[in-house]
């Protein structure tokens, strides 16, 4: 008996996420929330969802609108609102404009659903998660972002293709920025429990090329189809299911860290974290010296831009 609100539900990612989330059996109510003036579009989407649920025999209450009271008693609120990234545009370029949107929604969520778990999707997600954390006033465990989860899944798929194994046999993850300074943890990558370097196919393995493709994947999809939709939607639903289902899985998401990764912290960034019904909890890890150096650089970049965004919001009267 769970209620989930998707803010920005009329957008492509919001729609995809909301529909993917509807397949979680324990969810009985979905709120399709958007800005004032967008009610008709949301209402149309509500009835489209209702028809789809009838077709598959699912009984889910669907509510839509722009009234903040609609989100009350939500077990999870997912924010997908914000300006979309365009071809050739860096995620960081979006930061200041989207920060105002996230700050306003974070305040609204705290006022109307003070006990919810807040899940941020809007890019640049590491910085937007920090904004949501600050302006909601929630404890760090109840605010997290999509982070490097989808990046990690992309890398997992590429490795599986190279080694010609089922994707479930590959265990890998990416930490750091959801962007150009992301850090693949090759030291923690295995296939069937075996380190990559101990497999025959490792001789032709091109890790750098794979990471370059992971970094470019979003741009590539946007250039050709206009937006990334289904990948993010399913990734969002996976994380929602993991949290709301109290699964205690360790996945790579954006979370506030203190000292869990080699005493590097005081920033919201992609890290391995335990996900359950209480929220998101970063896991202390040790990685190779080269990975530590790269992660430190990623943290410094995100911290710098986050500070710039906070100064901007303060000057704007937030």
C-alpha atoms as a PDB file:
ATOM      1  CA  UNK A   1       0.000   0.000   0.000  1.00  0.00           C
ATOM      2  CA  UNK A   2       2.488   2.607  -1.197  1.00  0.00           C
ATOM      3  CA  UNK A   3       2.077   6.035  -2.757  1.00  0.00           C
ATOM      4  CA  UNK A   4       4.631   7.544  -5.139  1.00  0.00           C
ATOM      5  CA  UNK A   5       4.610  11.050  -6.590  1.00  0.00           C
ATOM      6  CA  UNK A   6       6.433  11.925  -9.798  1.00  0.00           C
ATOM      7  CA  UNK A   7       7.091  15.659 -10.138  1.00  0.00           C
ATOM      8  CA  UNK A   8       7.538  16.566 -13.787  1.00  0.00           C
ATOM      9  CA  UNK A   9       5.342  13.662 -14.881  1.00  0.00           C
ATOM     10  CA  UNK A  10       4.412  15.238 -18.215  1.00  0.00           C
ATOM     11  CA  UNK A  11       8.027  15.181 -19.383  1.00  0.00           C
ATOM     12  CA  UNK A  12       9.404  12.211 -21.295  1.00  0.00           C
ATOM     13  CA  UNK A  13      11.540  10.878 -18.440  1.00  0.00           C
ATOM     14  CA  UNK A  14       8.761  11.533 -15.928  1.00  0.00           C
ATOM     15  CA  UNK A  15       6.237   9.622 -18.030  1.00  0.00           C
ATOM     16  CA  UNK A  16       8.582   6.709 -18.600  1.00  0.00           C
ATOM     17  CA  UNK A  17       9.528   6.544 -14.920  1.00  0.00           C
ATOM     18  CA  UNK A  18       5.926   6.743 -13.717  1.00  0.00           C
ATOM     19  CA  UNK A  19       4.826   3.927 -15.998  1.00  0.00           C
ATOM     20  CA  UNK A  20       7.801   1.717 -15.125  1.00  0.00           C
ATOM     21  CA  UNK A  21       7.155   2.307 -11.420  1.00  0.00           C
ATOM     22  CA  UNK A  22       3.532   1.243 -11.846  1.00  0.00           C
ATOM     23  CA  UNK A  23       4.746  -2.347 -12.297  1.00  0.00           C
ATOM     24  CA  UNK A  24       5.930  -2.487  -8.685  1.00  0.00           C
ATOM     25  CA  UNK A  25       3.213  -4.647  -7.037  1.00  0.00           C
ATOM     26  CA  UNK A  26       3.193  -2.805  -3.690  1.00  0.00           C
ATOM     27  CA  UNK A  27       2.399   0.574  -5.267  1.00  0.00           C
ATOM     28  CA  UNK A  28      -1.305   1.380  -5.118  1.00  0.00           C
ATOM     29  CA  UNK A  29      -1.292   5.109  -5.903  1.00  0.00           C
ATOM     30  CA  UNK A  30       0.699   7.257  -8.323  1.00  0.00           C
ATOM     31  CA  UNK A  31       0.529  11.054  -8.379  1.00  0.00           C
ATOM     32  CA  UNK A  32       1.378  12.691 -11.698  1.00  0.00           C
ATOM     33  CA  UNK A  33       2.444  16.166 -10.585  1.00  0.00           C
ATOM     34  CA  UNK A  34       3.436  19.177 -12.650  1.00  0.00           C
ATOM     35  CA  UNK A  35       3.538  22.936 -12.761  1.00  0.00           C
ATOM     36  CA  UNK A  36       0.447  25.143 -12.874  1.00  0.00           C
ATOM     37  CA  UNK A  37      -0.902  25.522 -16.406  1.00  0.00           C
ATOM     38  CA  UNK A  38      -0.012  21.936 -17.268  1.00  0.00           C
ATOM     39  CA  UNK A  39      -3.066  20.315 -15.684  1.00  0.00           C
ATOM     40  CA  UNK A  40      -4.746  19.313 -18.948  1.00  0.00           C
ATOM     41  CA  UNK A  41      -1.704  17.451 -20.176  1.00  0.00           C
ATOM     42  CA  UNK A  42      -1.400  15.657 -16.847  1.00  0.00           C
ATOM     43  CA  UNK A  43      -5.090  14.781 -16.876  1.00  0.00           C
ATOM     44  CA  UNK A  44      -4.764  13.253 -20.326  1.00  0.00           C
ATOM     45  CA  UNK A  45      -1.789  11.230 -19.163  1.00  0.00           C
ATOM     46  CA  UNK A  46      -3.753  10.066 -16.120  1.00  0.00           C
ATOM     47  CA  UNK A  47      -6.510   8.597 -18.284  1.00  0.00           C
ATOM     48  CA  UNK A  48      -3.993   7.030 -20.650  1.00  0.00           C
ATOM     49  CA  UNK A  49      -2.359   5.326 -17.671  1.00  0.00           C
ATOM     50  CA  UNK A  50      -5.758   4.246 -16.382  1.00  0.00           C
ATOM     51  CA  UNK A  51      -6.542   2.560 -19.713  1.00  0.00           C
ATOM     52  CA  UNK A  52      -3.162   0.806 -19.689  1.00  0.00           C
ATOM     53  CA  UNK A  53      -3.681  -0.486 -16.151  1.00  0.00           C
ATOM     54  CA  UNK A  54      -7.116  -1.798 -17.090  1.00  0.00           C
ATOM     55  CA  UNK A  55      -5.590  -3.615 -20.069  1.00  0.00           C
ATOM     56  CA  UNK A  56      -3.086  -5.459 -17.876  1.00  0.00           C
ATOM     57  CA  UNK A  57      -5.445  -5.984 -14.940  1.00  0.00           C
ATOM     58  CA  UNK A  58      -3.666  -3.673 -12.491  1.00  0.00           C
ATOM     59  CA  UNK A  59      -5.669  -1.695  -9.953  1.00  0.00           C
ATOM     60  CA  UNK A  60      -3.759   1.520  -9.254  1.00  0.00           C
ATOM     61  CA  UNK A  61      -5.197   4.872  -8.250  1.00  0.00           C
ATOM     62  CA  UNK A  62      -3.863   7.612 -10.531  1.00  0.00           C
ATOM     63  CA  UNK A  63      -4.091  11.257  -9.501  1.00  0.00           C
ATOM     64  CA  UNK A  64      -2.855  14.251 -11.464  1.00  0.00           C
ATOM     65  CA  UNK A  65      -2.519  17.989 -10.994  1.00  0.00           C
ATOM     66  CA  UNK A  66      -0.474  20.892  -9.661  1.00  0.00           C
ATOM     67  CA  UNK A  67      -1.912  21.241  -6.148  1.00  0.00           C
ATOM     68  CA  UNK A  68       0.858  20.624  -3.573  1.00  0.00           C
ATOM     69  CA  UNK A  69      -1.622  18.881  -1.258  1.00  0.00           C
ATOM     70  CA  UNK A  70      -1.725  15.976  -3.736  1.00  0.00           C
ATOM     71  CA  UNK A  71       1.692  14.766  -2.612  1.00  0.00           C
ATOM     72  CA  UNK A  72       0.730  14.359   1.058  1.00  0.00           C
ATOM     73  CA  UNK A  73       1.495  10.942   2.548  1.00  0.00           C
ATOM     74  CA  UNK A  74       3.745  10.010  -0.376  1.00  0.00           C
ATOM     75  CA  UNK A  75       6.209   7.272   0.522  1.00  0.00           C
ATOM     76  CA  UNK A  76       8.531   8.549  -2.188  1.00  0.00           C
ATOM     77  CA  UNK A  77       8.668  11.741  -4.237  1.00  0.00           C
ATOM     78  CA  UNK A  78      10.654  11.633  -7.469  1.00  0.00           C
ATOM     79  CA  UNK A  79      11.690  14.930  -9.056  1.00  0.00           C
ATOM     80  CA  UNK A  80      12.274  14.790 -12.807  1.00  0.00           C
ATOM     81  CA  UNK A  81      11.420  18.453 -13.540  1.00  0.00           C
ATOM     82  CA  UNK A  82      13.895  20.777 -15.160  1.00  0.00           C
ATOM     83  CA  UNK A  83      15.185  21.996 -18.480  1.00  0.00           C
ATOM     84  CA  UNK A  84      16.264  19.090 -20.692  1.00  0.00           C
ATOM     85  CA  UNK A  85      19.841  18.786 -21.886  1.00  0.00           C
ATOM     86  CA  UNK A  86      20.296  19.660 -25.557  1.00  0.00           C
ATOM     87  CA  UNK A  87      22.810  18.391 -28.092  1.00  0.00           C
ATOM     88  CA  UNK A  88      26.324  19.539 -27.212  1.00  0.00           C
ATOM     89  CA  UNK A  89      25.299  20.864 -23.824  1.00  0.00           C
ATOM     90  CA  UNK A  90      27.154  19.745 -20.700  1.00  0.00           C
ATOM     91  CA  UNK A  91      25.098  18.695 -17.676  1.00  0.00           C
ATOM     92  CA  UNK A  92      26.847  21.388 -15.637  1.00  0.00           C
ATOM     93  CA  UNK A  93      25.492  24.048 -18.016  1.00  0.00           C
ATOM     94  CA  UNK A  94      22.044  23.258 -16.674  1.00  0.00           C
ATOM     95  CA  UNK A  95      22.959  23.774 -13.034  1.00  0.00           C
ATOM     96  CA  UNK A  96      21.840  27.301 -12.164  1.00  0.00           C
ATOM     97  CA  UNK A  97      18.508  27.259 -13.975  1.00  0.00           C
ATOM     98  CA  UNK A  98      17.482  23.858 -12.705  1.00  0.00           C
ATOM     99  CA  UNK A  99      18.682  24.656  -9.172  1.00  0.00           C
ATOM    100  CA  UNK A 100      15.885  27.205  -8.750  1.00  0.00           C
ATOM    101  CA  UNK A 101      13.324  24.625  -9.809  1.00  0.00           C
ATOM    102  CA  UNK A 102      14.695  21.979  -7.443  1.00  0.00           C
ATOM    103  CA  UNK A 103      14.983  24.385  -4.498  1.00  0.00           C
ATOM    104  CA  UNK A 104      11.325  25.377  -4.847  1.00  0.00           C
ATOM    105  CA  UNK A 105      10.136  21.793  -5.171  1.00  0.00           C
ATOM    106  CA  UNK A 106      12.299  20.646  -2.247  1.00  0.00           C
ATOM    107  CA  UNK A 107      10.657  23.241  -0.011  1.00  0.00           C
ATOM    108  CA  UNK A 108       7.216  22.206  -1.239  1.00  0.00           C
ATOM    109  CA  UNK A 109       7.918  18.525  -0.596  1.00  0.00           C
ATOM    110  CA  UNK A 110       9.193  19.207   2.922  1.00  0.00           C
ATOM    111  CA  UNK A 111       6.041  21.170   3.725  1.00  0.00           C
ATOM    112  CA  UNK A 112       3.562  18.646   2.324  1.00  0.00           C
ATOM    113  CA  UNK A 113       5.304  15.277   2.711  1.00  0.00           C
ATOM    114  CA  UNK A 114       7.769  15.716   5.595  1.00  0.00           C
ATOM    115  CA  UNK A 115       8.337  11.979   6.073  1.00  0.00           C
ATOM    116  CA  UNK A 116       8.902  11.017   2.452  1.00  0.00           C
ATOM    117  CA  UNK A 117      12.070   9.839   0.710  1.00  0.00           C
ATOM    118  CA  UNK A 118      13.147  12.364  -1.913  1.00  0.00           C
ATOM    119  CA  UNK A 119      14.619  10.963  -5.123  1.00  0.00           C
ATOM    120  CA  UNK A 120      16.230  13.454  -7.544  1.00  0.00           C
ATOM    121  CA  UNK A 121      16.622  12.743 -11.251  1.00  0.00           C
ATOM    122  CA  UNK A 122      17.064  16.272 -12.651  1.00  0.00           C
ATOM    123  CA  UNK A 123      20.503  17.035 -14.090  1.00  0.00           C
ATOM    124  CA  UNK A 124      23.200  17.796 -13.158  1.00  0.00           C
ATOM    125  CA  UNK A 125      22.010  15.231 -10.653  1.00  0.00           C
ATOM    126  CA  UNK A 126      24.884  15.415  -8.149  1.00  0.00           C
ATOM    127  CA  UNK A 127      24.428  19.158  -7.706  1.00  0.00           C
ATOM    128  CA  UNK A 128      20.624  18.998  -7.791  1.00  0.00           C
ATOM    129  CA  UNK A 129      20.699  16.364  -5.048  1.00  0.00           C
ATOM    130  CA  UNK A 130      22.748  18.746  -2.895  1.00  0.00           C
ATOM    131  CA  UNK A 131      20.202  21.509  -3.577  1.00  0.00           C
ATOM    132  CA  UNK A 132      17.309  19.215  -2.661  1.00  0.00           C
ATOM    133  CA  UNK A 133      19.083  18.150   0.521  1.00  0.00           C
ATOM    134  CA  UNK A 134      19.705  21.709   1.620  1.00  0.00           C
ATOM    135  CA  UNK A 135      16.309  23.184   0.820  1.00  0.00           C
ATOM    136  CA  UNK A 136      14.225  20.238   2.037  1.00  0.00           C
ATOM    137  CA  UNK A 137      15.987  20.149   5.392  1.00  0.00           C
ATOM    138  CA  UNK A 138      15.722  16.354   5.316  1.00  0.00           C
ATOM    139  CA  UNK A 139      18.416  14.104   6.795  1.00  0.00           C
ATOM    140  CA  UNK A 140      20.941  12.904   4.176  1.00  0.00           C
ATOM    141  CA  UNK A 141      19.583   9.354   4.279  1.00  0.00           C
ATOM    142  CA  UNK A 142      16.244  10.522   2.861  1.00  0.00           C
ATOM    143  CA  UNK A 143      17.576  12.444  -0.146  1.00  0.00           C
ATOM    144  CA  UNK A 144      19.382  10.750  -3.013  1.00  0.00           C
ATOM    145  CA  UNK A 145      19.868  11.016  -6.762  1.00  0.00           C
ATOM    146  CA  UNK A 146      19.943   8.730  -9.782  1.00  0.00           C
ATOM    147  CA  UNK A 147      23.694   9.377  -9.952  1.00  0.00           C
ATOM    148  CA  UNK A 148      25.881   6.800 -11.660  1.00  0.00           C
ATOM    149  CA  UNK A 149      23.373   3.944 -11.484  1.00  0.00           C
ATOM    150  CA  UNK A 150      22.472   4.118 -15.173  1.00  0.00           C
ATOM    151  CA  UNK A 151      26.140   4.684 -16.084  1.00  0.00           C
ATOM    152  CA  UNK A 152      27.039   1.523 -14.159  1.00  0.00           C
ATOM    153  CA  UNK A 153      24.328  -0.442 -15.969  1.00  0.00           C
ATOM    154  CA  UNK A 154      25.622   0.792 -19.344  1.00  0.00           C
ATOM    155  CA  UNK A 155      29.150  -0.316 -18.467  1.00  0.00           C
ATOM    156  CA  UNK A 156      27.837  -3.662 -17.245  1.00  0.00           C
ATOM    157  CA  UNK A 157      26.106  -4.208 -20.591  1.00  0.00           C
ATOM    158  CA  UNK A 158      29.223  -3.346 -22.613  1.00  0.00           C
ATOM    159  CA  UNK A 159      31.406  -5.694 -20.551  1.00  0.00           C
ATOM    160  CA  UNK A 160      28.872  -8.505 -20.967  1.00  0.00           C
ATOM    161  CA  UNK A 161      28.900  -8.015 -24.739  1.00  0.00           C
ATOM    162  CA  UNK A 162      32.706  -8.044 -24.894  1.00  0.00           C
ATOM    163  CA  UNK A 163      33.092 -11.195 -22.796  1.00  0.00           C
ATOM    164  CA  UNK A 164      29.988 -12.838 -24.330  1.00  0.00           C
ATOM    165  CA  UNK A 165      28.349 -13.588 -20.985  1.00  0.00           C
ATOM    166  CA  UNK A 166      24.933 -12.951 -19.493  1.00  0.00           C
ATOM    167  CA  UNK A 167      24.716  -9.449 -18.063  1.00  0.00           C
ATOM    168  CA  UNK A 168      23.833 -10.855 -14.620  1.00  0.00           C
ATOM    169  CA  UNK A 169      27.322 -12.407 -14.404  1.00  0.00           C
ATOM    170  CA  UNK A 170      28.986  -8.974 -14.559  1.00  0.00           C
ATOM    171  CA  UNK A 171      29.530  -7.004 -11.355  1.00  0.00           C
ATOM    172  CA  UNK A 172      30.904  -3.517 -11.821  1.00  0.00           C
ATOM    173  CA  UNK A 173      30.175   0.053 -10.849  1.00  0.00           C
ATOM    174  CA  UNK A 174      31.005   3.641 -11.621  1.00  0.00           C
ATOM    175  CA  UNK A 175      31.394   6.279  -8.912  1.00  0.00           C
ATOM    176  CA  UNK A 176      31.929  10.033  -8.915  1.00  0.00           C
ATOM    177  CA  UNK A 177      30.177  12.567 -11.120  1.00  0.00           C
ATOM    178  CA  UNK A 178      27.349  11.572 -13.414  1.00  0.00           C
ATOM    179  CA  UNK A 179      29.353  13.177 -16.193  1.00  0.00           C
ATOM    180  CA  UNK A 180      32.810  13.580 -17.634  1.00  0.00           C
ATOM    181  CA  UNK A 181      34.798  12.859 -14.445  1.00  0.00           C
ATOM    182  CA  UNK A 182      33.033   9.571 -13.626  1.00  0.00           C
ATOM    183  CA  UNK A 183      35.329   6.877 -12.228  1.00  0.00           C
ATOM    184  CA  UNK A 184      35.014   3.193 -13.215  1.00  0.00           C
ATOM    185  CA  UNK A 185      36.033   0.832 -10.413  1.00  0.00           C
ATOM    186  CA  UNK A 186      38.004  -1.716 -12.389  1.00  0.00           C
ATOM    187  CA  UNK A 187      39.450  -2.965  -9.087  1.00  0.00           C
ATOM    188  CA  UNK A 188      35.944  -4.103  -8.109  1.00  0.00           C
ATOM    189  CA  UNK A 189      34.866  -5.497 -11.511  1.00  0.00           C
ATOM    190  CA  UNK A 190      34.322  -9.241 -11.854  1.00  0.00           C
ATOM    191  CA  UNK A 191      32.625 -11.737 -14.139  1.00  0.00           C
ATOM    192  CA  UNK A 192      31.222 -14.747 -12.335  1.00  0.00           C
ATOM    193  CA  UNK A 193      33.323 -13.718  -9.346  1.00  0.00           C
ATOM    194  CA  UNK A 194      36.558 -13.729 -11.380  1.00  0.00           C
ATOM    195  CA  UNK A 195      38.673 -10.582 -11.795  1.00  0.00           C
ATOM    196  CA  UNK A 196      38.733  -9.320 -15.387  1.00  0.00           C
ATOM    197  CA  UNK A 197      42.514  -9.569 -15.641  1.00  0.00           C
ATOM    198  CA  UNK A 198      42.296 -13.324 -14.959  1.00  0.00           C
ATOM    199  CA  UNK A 199      40.056 -13.994 -17.968  1.00  0.00           C
ATOM    200  CA  UNK A 200      41.483 -14.849 -21.439  1.00  0.00           C
ATOM    201  CA  UNK A 201      39.394 -12.190 -23.209  1.00  0.00           C
ATOM    202  CA  UNK A 202      41.072  -9.506 -21.081  1.00  0.00           C
ATOM    203  CA  UNK A 203      43.862  -9.306 -23.667  1.00  0.00           C
ATOM    204  CA  UNK A 204      41.481  -7.542 -26.067  1.00  0.00           C
ATOM    205  CA  UNK A 205      39.613  -5.602 -23.385  1.00  0.00           C
ATOM    206  CA  UNK A 206      39.447  -1.850 -24.006  1.00  0.00           C
ATOM    207  CA  UNK A 207      38.239  -0.299 -20.764  1.00  0.00           C
ATOM    208  CA  UNK A 208      39.006   3.292 -21.739  1.00  0.00           C
ATOM    209  CA  UNK A 209      36.990   2.986 -24.939  1.00  0.00           C
ATOM    210  CA  UNK A 210      34.062   1.561 -22.978  1.00  0.00           C
ATOM    211  CA  UNK A 211      34.114   4.439 -20.507  1.00  0.00           C
ATOM    212  CA  UNK A 212      34.336   6.946 -23.344  1.00  0.00           C
ATOM    213  CA  UNK A 213      31.186   5.367 -24.772  1.00  0.00           C
ATOM    214  CA  UNK A 214      29.414   5.432 -21.391  1.00  0.00           C
ATOM    215  CA  UNK A 215      30.225   9.140 -21.097  1.00  0.00           C
ATOM    216  CA  UNK A 216      28.966   9.807 -24.602  1.00  0.00           C
ATOM    217  CA  UNK A 217      25.891   7.560 -24.482  1.00  0.00           C
ATOM    218  CA  UNK A 218      23.494  10.272 -23.352  1.00  0.00           C
ATOM    219  CA  UNK A 219      24.713  12.703 -26.025  1.00  0.00           C
ATOM    220  CA  UNK A 220      24.510   9.969 -28.661  1.00  0.00           C
ATOM    221  CA  UNK A 221      20.901   9.093 -27.820  1.00  0.00           C
ATOM    222  CA  UNK A 222      19.819  12.744 -27.593  1.00  0.00           C
ATOM    223  CA  UNK A 223      21.382  13.540 -30.981  1.00  0.00           C
ATOM    224  CA  UNK A 224      19.503  10.720 -32.683  1.00  0.00           C
ATOM    225  CA  UNK A 225      16.163  10.470 -30.892  1.00  0.00           C
ATOM    226  CA  UNK A 226      15.848  13.782 -29.043  1.00  0.00           C
ATOM    227  CA  UNK A 227      15.927  12.484 -25.469  1.00  0.00           C
ATOM    228  CA  UNK A 228      16.936   9.614 -23.217  1.00  0.00           C
ATOM    229  CA  UNK A 229      13.666   8.048 -22.050  1.00  0.00           C
ATOM    230  CA  UNK A 230      13.449   4.312 -21.462  1.00  0.00           C
ATOM    231  CA  UNK A 231      16.891   3.724 -19.942  1.00  0.00           C
ATOM    232  CA  UNK A 232      16.409   6.402 -17.257  1.00  0.00           C
ATOM    233  CA  UNK A 233      12.797   5.309 -16.706  1.00  0.00           C
ATOM    234  CA  UNK A 234      13.750   1.719 -15.929  1.00  0.00           C
ATOM    235  CA  UNK A 235      16.757   2.799 -13.844  1.00  0.00           C
ATOM    236  CA  UNK A 236      14.512   5.080 -11.765  1.00  0.00           C
ATOM    237  CA  UNK A 237      12.003   2.273 -11.266  1.00  0.00           C
ATOM    238  CA  UNK A 238      14.743  -0.133 -10.159  1.00  0.00           C
ATOM    239  CA  UNK A 239      15.916   2.261  -7.456  1.00  0.00           C
ATOM    240  CA  UNK A 240      12.354   3.004  -6.344  1.00  0.00           C
ATOM    241  CA  UNK A 241      11.643  -0.729  -6.080  1.00  0.00           C
ATOM    242  CA  UNK A 242      14.859  -1.303  -4.134  1.00  0.00           C
ATOM    243  CA  UNK A 243      14.093   1.416  -1.571  1.00  0.00           C
ATOM    244  CA  UNK A 244      10.363   0.837  -1.174  1.00  0.00           C
ATOM    245  CA  UNK A 245      10.803  -2.932  -1.165  1.00  0.00           C
ATOM    246  CA  UNK A 246      13.374  -2.707   1.651  1.00  0.00           C
ATOM    247  CA  UNK A 247      15.743  -4.844  -0.424  1.00  0.00           C
ATOM    248  CA  UNK A 248      19.054  -3.787   1.193  1.00  0.00           C
ATOM    249  CA  UNK A 249      20.831  -3.829  -2.150  1.00  0.00           C
ATOM    250  CA  UNK A 250      24.087  -1.967  -2.739  1.00  0.00           C
ATOM    251  CA  UNK A 251      23.809   0.240  -5.824  1.00  0.00           C
ATOM    252  CA  UNK A 252      25.639   3.327  -7.083  1.00  0.00           C
ATOM    253  CA  UNK A 253      23.571   6.463  -6.479  1.00  0.00           C
ATOM    254  CA  UNK A 254      24.174  10.097  -5.625  1.00  0.00           C
ATOM    255  CA  UNK A 255      24.296  10.455  -1.853  1.00  0.00           C
ATOM    256  CA  UNK A 256      25.870  12.786   0.672  1.00  0.00           C
ATOM    257  CA  UNK A 257      29.198  11.362   1.803  1.00  0.00           C
ATOM    258  CA  UNK A 258      31.316  12.297   4.803  1.00  0.00           C
ATOM    259  CA  UNK A 259      34.362  10.037   4.871  1.00  0.00           C
ATOM    260  CA  UNK A 260      33.226   6.713   3.390  1.00  0.00           C
ATOM    261  CA  UNK A 261      35.642   6.779   0.425  1.00  0.00           C
ATOM    262  CA  UNK A 262      39.186   7.230   1.722  1.00  0.00           C
ATOM    263  CA  UNK A 263      38.085  10.099   4.004  1.00  0.00           C
ATOM    264  CA  UNK A 264      36.915  12.145   1.008  1.00  0.00           C
ATOM    265  CA  UNK A 265      33.577  13.808   1.621  1.00  0.00           C
ATOM    266  CA  UNK A 266      31.244  16.696   2.383  1.00  0.00           C
ATOM    267  CA  UNK A 267      29.609  16.482  -1.045  1.00  0.00           C
ATOM    268  CA  UNK A 268      26.734  14.774  -2.854  1.00  0.00           C
ATOM    269  CA  UNK A 269      28.185  12.452  -5.477  1.00  0.00           C
ATOM    270  CA  UNK A 270      27.865   8.955  -6.918  1.00  0.00           C
ATOM    271  CA  UNK A 271      28.956   6.228  -4.499  1.00  0.00           C
ATOM    272  CA  UNK A 272      27.973   2.665  -3.564  1.00  0.00           C
ATOM    273  CA  UNK A 273      25.164   2.810  -1.023  1.00  0.00           C
ATOM    274  CA  UNK A 274      22.821   0.473   0.806  1.00  0.00           C
ATOM    275  CA  UNK A 275      19.208   1.111  -0.201  1.00  0.00           C
ATOM    276  CA  UNK A 276      16.257   0.166   1.981  1.00  0.00           C
ATOM    277  CA  UNK A 277      12.988   1.489   3.355  1.00  0.00           C
ATOM    278  CA  UNK A 278      14.801   3.889   5.683  1.00  0.00           C
ATOM    279  CA  UNK A 279      16.655   5.507   2.811  1.00  0.00           C
ATOM    280  CA  UNK A 280      20.148   5.488   1.352  1.00  0.00           C
ATOM    281  CA  UNK A 281      23.348   4.828   3.280  1.00  0.00           C
ATOM    282  CA  UNK A 282      26.818   5.127   1.675  1.00  0.00           C
ATOM    283  CA  UNK A 283      29.083   2.115   2.164  1.00  0.00           C
ATOM    284  CA  UNK A 284      32.705   2.585   3.335  1.00  0.00           C
ATOM    285  CA  UNK A 285      34.993   1.301   0.578  1.00  0.00           C
ATOM    286  CA  UNK A 286      38.682   1.096  -0.301  1.00  0.00           C
ATOM    287  CA  UNK A 287      39.759   1.425  -3.931  1.00  0.00           C
ATOM    288  CA  UNK A 288      43.032   1.552  -5.873  1.00  0.00           C
ATOM    289  CA  UNK A 289      45.344   4.609  -5.591  1.00  0.00           C
ATOM    290  CA  UNK A 290      44.597   5.591  -9.195  1.00  0.00           C
ATOM    291  CA  UNK A 291      40.861   5.401  -8.548  1.00  0.00           C
ATOM    292  CA  UNK A 292      41.234   7.477  -5.381  1.00  0.00           C
ATOM    293  CA  UNK A 293      43.044  10.178  -7.354  1.00  0.00           C
ATOM    294  CA  UNK A 294      40.367  10.244 -10.042  1.00  0.00           C
ATOM    295  CA  UNK A 295      37.559  10.245  -7.473  1.00  0.00           C
ATOM    296  CA  UNK A 296      39.169  13.141  -5.598  1.00  0.00           C
ATOM    297  CA  UNK A 297      39.262  15.149  -8.832  1.00  0.00           C
ATOM    298  CA  UNK A 298      35.604  14.366  -9.483  1.00  0.00           C
ATOM    299  CA  UNK A 299      34.651  15.400  -5.941  1.00  0.00           C
ATOM    300  CA  UNK A 300      36.542  18.673  -6.241  1.00  0.00           C
ATOM    301  CA  UNK A 301      34.745  19.513  -9.486  1.00  0.00           C
ATOM    302  CA  UNK A 302      31.293  18.779  -8.036  1.00  0.00           C
ATOM    303  CA  UNK A 303      32.054  20.608  -4.797  1.00  0.00           C
ATOM    304  CA  UNK A 304      33.205  23.700  -6.706  1.00  0.00           C
ATOM    305  CA  UNK A 305      30.114  23.833  -8.906  1.00  0.00           C
ATOM    306  CA  UNK A 306      27.824  23.070  -5.960  1.00  0.00           C
ATOM    307  CA  UNK A 307      29.301  26.005  -4.048  1.00  0.00           C
ATOM    308  CA  UNK A 308      28.783  28.240  -7.087  1.00  0.00           C
ATOM    309  CA  UNK A 309      25.162  27.157  -7.351  1.00  0.00           C
ATOM    310  CA  UNK A 310      24.522  27.747  -3.635  1.00  0.00           C
ATOM    311  CA  UNK A 311      25.995  31.252  -3.946  1.00  0.00           C
ATOM    312  CA  UNK A 312      23.769  31.877  -6.959  1.00  0.00           C
ATOM    313  CA  UNK A 313      20.646  30.722  -5.117  1.00  0.00           C
ATOM    314  CA  UNK A 314      21.497  32.863  -2.116  1.00  0.00           C
ATOM    315  CA  UNK A 315      21.898  35.912  -4.369  1.00  0.00           C
ATOM    316  CA  UNK A 316      18.538  35.071  -5.919  1.00  0.00           C
ATOM    317  CA  UNK A 317      16.905  35.203  -2.507  1.00  0.00           C
ATOM    318  CA  UNK A 318      16.523  31.478  -1.824  1.00  0.00           C
END
